[in-house]
C-alpha cells in the first residue's frame, strides 16, 4: 500500500466537499487502499483550520473534531520531524517534506503552489487529482 502525506488543506477539502479528488483520497484511506502519514504538527494545523468559524456552514465543531480524531486513528503517526530544511517559499509548509522523508512516503499531496512549484522537491508533489490518477 502506498503511503503519502496529505497537506492539511487536502484533508479539509475532503471533509467539506464530499465529491472531488480530496474526498476520493480520503475514501481510499478509509478503505485501506492508501496510507497517510501524520505528525502532531499536521494534526494541530488541521484542527486549527477546522476550528475557524468560516467552516461552520459545512461542519459542526464536533464533526470537525471527530474528523481530526479519525485522521489520527487511521494514519501512520510519527513525532514531529526534528530536521526541517528550508525548501519552499512558505517555510511553514516545509515540515511536510520532512514528514514525508521520515515516513518513507511516496509523495506530498497538495494544491498549494508554494509546494507544487518547487523545482526539485525531495519527494514528488502531486495535486489531489494527479494523486488519484497515480495512486488509486
C-alpha atoms as a PDB file:
ATOM      1  CA  UNK A   1       0.000   0.000   0.000  1.00  0.00           C
ATOM      2  CA  UNK A   2       1.308   3.439  -0.928  1.00  0.00           C
ATOM      3  CA  UNK A   3       1.980   5.965   1.839  1.00  0.00           C
ATOM      4  CA  UNK A   4       1.657   9.711   1.257  1.00  0.00           C
ATOM      5  CA  UNK A   5       1.483  12.934   3.214  1.00  0.00           C
ATOM      6  CA  UNK A   6      -1.758  14.829   2.641  1.00  0.00           C
ATOM      7  CA  UNK A   7      -1.458  18.570   3.133  1.00  0.00           C
ATOM      8  CA  UNK A   8      -3.979  19.699   5.788  1.00  0.00           C
ATOM      9  CA  UNK A   9      -5.758  21.693   3.068  1.00  0.00           C
ATOM     10  CA  UNK A  10      -6.420  18.474   1.155  1.00  0.00           C
ATOM     11  CA  UNK A  11      -7.900  16.918   4.280  1.00  0.00           C
ATOM     12  CA  UNK A  12     -10.099  19.975   4.854  1.00  0.00           C
ATOM     13  CA  UNK A  13     -11.362  19.721   1.273  1.00  0.00           C
ATOM     14  CA  UNK A  14     -12.042  16.020   1.739  1.00  0.00           C
ATOM     15  CA  UNK A  15     -14.237  16.790   4.727  1.00  0.00           C
ATOM     16  CA  UNK A  16     -16.237  19.708   3.382  1.00  0.00           C
ATOM     17  CA  UNK A  17     -16.567  18.594  -0.252  1.00  0.00           C
ATOM     18  CA  UNK A  18     -17.828  15.018  -0.467  1.00  0.00           C
ATOM     19  CA  UNK A  19     -17.062  14.796  -4.180  1.00  0.00           C
ATOM     20  CA  UNK A  20     -13.738  15.520  -5.783  1.00  0.00           C
ATOM     21  CA  UNK A  21     -10.223  14.230  -5.631  1.00  0.00           C
ATOM     22  CA  UNK A  22      -9.504  15.010  -1.953  1.00  0.00           C
ATOM     23  CA  UNK A  23     -12.605  13.040  -0.929  1.00  0.00           C
ATOM     24  CA  UNK A  24     -11.539  10.143  -3.184  1.00  0.00           C
ATOM     25  CA  UNK A  25      -8.161  10.091  -1.468  1.00  0.00           C
ATOM     26  CA  UNK A  26      -9.773  10.091   1.975  1.00  0.00           C
ATOM     27  CA  UNK A  27     -12.103   7.246   0.944  1.00  0.00           C
ATOM     28  CA  UNK A  28      -9.034   5.296  -0.167  1.00  0.00           C
ATOM     29  CA  UNK A  29      -7.570   5.826   3.304  1.00  0.00           C
ATOM     30  CA  UNK A  30     -10.802   4.703   4.971  1.00  0.00           C
ATOM     31  CA  UNK A  31     -10.934   1.599   2.756  1.00  0.00           C
ATOM     32  CA  UNK A  32      -7.231   0.882   3.393  1.00  0.00           C
ATOM     33  CA  UNK A  33      -6.098   1.343  -0.202  1.00  0.00           C
ATOM     34  CA  UNK A  34      -3.871   4.285   0.726  1.00  0.00           C
ATOM     35  CA  UNK A  35      -1.947   5.110   3.882  1.00  0.00           C
ATOM     36  CA  UNK A  36      -1.298   8.619   5.121  1.00  0.00           C
ATOM     37  CA  UNK A  37       1.455   9.811   7.421  1.00  0.00           C
ATOM     38  CA  UNK A  38       0.826  12.447  10.074  1.00  0.00           C
ATOM     39  CA  UNK A  39       2.642  14.107  12.936  1.00  0.00           C
ATOM     40  CA  UNK A  40       1.347  16.261  15.815  1.00  0.00           C
ATOM     41  CA  UNK A  41       2.081  19.458  13.883  1.00  0.00           C
ATOM     42  CA  UNK A  42      -0.033  18.353  10.904  1.00  0.00           C
ATOM     43  CA  UNK A  43      -2.905  17.304  13.163  1.00  0.00           C
ATOM     44  CA  UNK A  44      -2.729  20.593  15.079  1.00  0.00           C
ATOM     45  CA  UNK A  45      -2.759  22.568  11.832  1.00  0.00           C
ATOM     46  CA  UNK A  46      -5.750  20.582  10.584  1.00  0.00           C
ATOM     47  CA  UNK A  47      -7.622  21.099  13.857  1.00  0.00           C
ATOM     48  CA  UNK A  48      -6.801  24.797  13.905  1.00  0.00           C
ATOM     49  CA  UNK A  49      -8.102  25.339  10.388  1.00  0.00           C
ATOM     50  CA  UNK A  50     -11.299  23.388  11.015  1.00  0.00           C
ATOM     51  CA  UNK A  51     -11.983  25.357  14.219  1.00  0.00           C
ATOM     52  CA  UNK A  52     -12.364  28.571  12.194  1.00  0.00           C
ATOM     53  CA  UNK A  53     -15.899  29.912  12.114  1.00  0.00           C
ATOM     54  CA  UNK A  54     -15.932  30.056   8.315  1.00  0.00           C
ATOM     55  CA  UNK A  55     -16.240  26.250   8.280  1.00  0.00           C
ATOM     56  CA  UNK A  56     -19.393  26.118  10.455  1.00  0.00           C
ATOM     57  CA  UNK A  57     -21.703  26.188   7.389  1.00  0.00           C
ATOM     58  CA  UNK A  58     -20.027  22.931   6.291  1.00  0.00           C
ATOM     59  CA  UNK A  59     -19.380  21.034   9.524  1.00  0.00           C
ATOM     60  CA  UNK A  60     -20.084  21.481  13.199  1.00  0.00           C
ATOM     61  CA  UNK A  61     -17.187  21.891  15.586  1.00  0.00           C
ATOM     62  CA  UNK A  62     -17.931  18.400  16.910  1.00  0.00           C
ATOM     63  CA  UNK A  63     -17.821  16.922  13.384  1.00  0.00           C
ATOM     64  CA  UNK A  64     -14.539  18.708  12.724  1.00  0.00           C
ATOM     65  CA  UNK A  65     -13.028  17.375  15.953  1.00  0.00           C
ATOM     66  CA  UNK A  66     -14.267  13.868  15.160  1.00  0.00           C
ATOM     67  CA  UNK A  67     -12.682  14.090  11.699  1.00  0.00           C
ATOM     68  CA  UNK A  68      -9.303  15.102  13.134  1.00  0.00           C
ATOM     69  CA  UNK A  69      -9.512  12.189  15.556  1.00  0.00           C
ATOM     70  CA  UNK A  70     -10.374   9.841  12.682  1.00  0.00           C
ATOM     71  CA  UNK A  71      -7.430  11.106  10.635  1.00  0.00           C
ATOM     72  CA  UNK A  72      -5.136  10.465  13.600  1.00  0.00           C
ATOM     73  CA  UNK A  73      -6.590   6.999  14.142  1.00  0.00           C
ATOM     74  CA  UNK A  74      -6.243   5.891  10.536  1.00  0.00           C
ATOM     75  CA  UNK A  75      -2.813   7.397   9.865  1.00  0.00           C
ATOM     76  CA  UNK A  76       0.734   6.238  10.324  1.00  0.00           C
ATOM     77  CA  UNK A  77       1.712   8.581  13.173  1.00  0.00           C
ATOM     78  CA  UNK A  78       5.220   9.734  13.978  1.00  0.00           C
ATOM     79  CA  UNK A  79       6.671  12.514  16.159  1.00  0.00           C
ATOM     80  CA  UNK A  80       7.216  15.908  14.583  1.00  0.00           C
ATOM     81  CA  UNK A  81      10.316  15.812  12.375  1.00  0.00           C
ATOM     82  CA  UNK A  82      13.257  17.478  14.094  1.00  0.00           C
ATOM     83  CA  UNK A  83      15.227  18.348  10.960  1.00  0.00           C
ATOM     84  CA  UNK A  84      13.155  20.611   8.709  1.00  0.00           C
ATOM     85  CA  UNK A  85      15.290  22.199   5.985  1.00  0.00           C
ATOM     86  CA  UNK A  86      14.029  25.350   4.286  1.00  0.00           C
ATOM     87  CA  UNK A  87      12.748  24.394   0.829  1.00  0.00           C
ATOM     88  CA  UNK A  88       9.691  26.397  -0.196  1.00  0.00           C
ATOM     89  CA  UNK A  89       8.524  29.987  -0.328  1.00  0.00           C
ATOM     90  CA  UNK A  90       6.462  29.258   2.783  1.00  0.00           C
ATOM     91  CA  UNK A  91       8.719  27.753   5.439  1.00  0.00           C
ATOM     92  CA  UNK A  92       5.613  26.779   7.444  1.00  0.00           C
ATOM     93  CA  UNK A  93       4.980  24.071   4.825  1.00  0.00           C
ATOM     94  CA  UNK A  94       8.474  22.609   4.780  1.00  0.00           C
ATOM     95  CA  UNK A  95       7.689  20.183   7.605  1.00  0.00           C
ATOM     96  CA  UNK A  96       5.510  18.249   5.139  1.00  0.00           C
ATOM     97  CA  UNK A  97       8.626  17.251   3.194  1.00  0.00           C
ATOM     98  CA  UNK A  98      10.458  16.318   6.372  1.00  0.00           C
ATOM     99  CA  UNK A  99       7.451  14.223   7.414  1.00  0.00           C
ATOM    100  CA  UNK A 100       7.418  12.507   4.018  1.00  0.00           C
ATOM    101  CA  UNK A 101      11.117  11.761   4.375  1.00  0.00           C
ATOM    102  CA  UNK A 102      10.974  10.209   7.839  1.00  0.00           C
ATOM    103  CA  UNK A 103       7.935   8.077   6.912  1.00  0.00           C
ATOM    104  CA  UNK A 104       9.186   6.899   3.512  1.00  0.00           C
ATOM    105  CA  UNK A 105       6.147   8.460   1.875  1.00  0.00           C
ATOM    106  CA  UNK A 106       5.917   8.365  -1.886  1.00  0.00           C
ATOM    107  CA  UNK A 107       4.662  11.935  -2.252  1.00  0.00           C
ATOM    108  CA  UNK A 108       3.251  15.050  -0.664  1.00  0.00           C
ATOM    109  CA  UNK A 109      -0.261  15.698  -1.940  1.00  0.00           C
ATOM    110  CA  UNK A 110      -1.108  19.380  -2.051  1.00  0.00           C
ATOM    111  CA  UNK A 111      -2.751  22.031  -4.154  1.00  0.00           C
ATOM    112  CA  UNK A 112      -0.521  24.688  -2.580  1.00  0.00           C
ATOM    113  CA  UNK A 113       1.560  26.372  -5.284  1.00  0.00           C
ATOM    114  CA  UNK A 114       4.319  27.087  -2.756  1.00  0.00           C
ATOM    115  CA  UNK A 115       4.871  23.329  -2.766  1.00  0.00           C
ATOM    116  CA  UNK A 116       3.771  22.377  -6.281  1.00  0.00           C
ATOM    117  CA  UNK A 117       6.055  24.952  -7.918  1.00  0.00           C
ATOM    118  CA  UNK A 118       9.250  23.662  -6.308  1.00  0.00           C
ATOM    119  CA  UNK A 119      11.837  22.798  -8.940  1.00  0.00           C
ATOM    120  CA  UNK A 120      13.468  19.842  -7.223  1.00  0.00           C
ATOM    121  CA  UNK A 121      11.459  18.719  -4.185  1.00  0.00           C
ATOM    122  CA  UNK A 122      12.892  15.893  -2.059  1.00  0.00           C
ATOM    123  CA  UNK A 123       9.728  13.864  -2.782  1.00  0.00           C
ATOM    124  CA  UNK A 124       7.224  14.427  -5.583  1.00  0.00           C
ATOM    125  CA  UNK A 125       4.416  16.904  -5.010  1.00  0.00           C
ATOM    126  CA  UNK A 126       1.147  15.712  -6.519  1.00  0.00           C
ATOM    127  CA  UNK A 127      -2.084  17.641  -6.848  1.00  0.00           C
ATOM    128  CA  UNK A 128      -5.046  15.725  -5.437  1.00  0.00           C
ATOM    129  CA  UNK A 129      -6.276  14.951  -8.967  1.00  0.00           C
ATOM    130  CA  UNK A 130      -2.864  13.664 -10.018  1.00  0.00           C
ATOM    131  CA  UNK A 131      -2.623  11.602  -6.818  1.00  0.00           C
ATOM    132  CA  UNK A 132      -5.960   9.941  -7.621  1.00  0.00           C
ATOM    133  CA  UNK A 133      -4.734   9.139 -11.155  1.00  0.00           C
ATOM    134  CA  UNK A 134      -1.340   7.895  -9.989  1.00  0.00           C
ATOM    135  CA  UNK A 135      -2.069   6.139  -6.698  1.00  0.00           C
ATOM    136  CA  UNK A 136      -5.620   4.772  -6.886  1.00  0.00           C
END
